[in-house]
Amino acid sequence: MSWGEKQQLRERMLVRLGEMTALERSQESEGVVRQIICCEKFRRARVIYGYAPMGYEPNWLGAWGGGKVWAFPRCEGEDMNFYEVRDIGELRRGGLGVAEPVGGLVAPAPDLVFVPGLAFDVWGWRLGRGKGFYDRFLAGCGAYRLGLAFLCQVVNEVPREGHDQRVEGLVTVEGWREFG
């Protein structure tokens, strides 16, 4: 599949996500949080790599807390590194328009990684924003990879290329789905 097919899906997904009402986003986000916190993988995780949700992504921040070490990404050149964050106020808008840690300690290795995406398919493939930061990071990450999505972000097939990385699980308001 080509980059052009990915770009077309990105555009379709942004339109679809833009059509969601604030109430729909809020209700589905609350459902995603409920699904996250009731799962054993989440409860056992000591170190979780999260991300600052953009307006078109489920707001999972209601799952924050519980004595866990939380870390957020900061893009540095072509790499994405994770830093411990104790309070959401430690994040500032970065060069790509995403809230990133201003300072902080380099985070220990994660047990669980929350993975954003514009679309996820029924096999765990994801479509990101097109810069490849998560694909490069996930290629060397041994932690459990969990996609977080609104229902409208789940599609039959995501166009993919050789460098693309899958998630091992996907959470929506309807539940937690694992991929083999």
Foldseek 3Di string as FASTA:
>chain_A
DDPVLLVVVLVVLVVVLVPDDPVLLQVFLVLLLVQQVVDPLNVPKQEEEEFCDDSSFRHNCVNPDDNHFYWYWDDDPLEIFIFTDDDLVQWDQDPVRGTHGPDHDGDDATQEYEDEASAAEPQFFGRHPPSCHVLVVVVPHPHQYEYEHEPVRYDHDRDDDPSTDGHQWYTISVHIDGHD
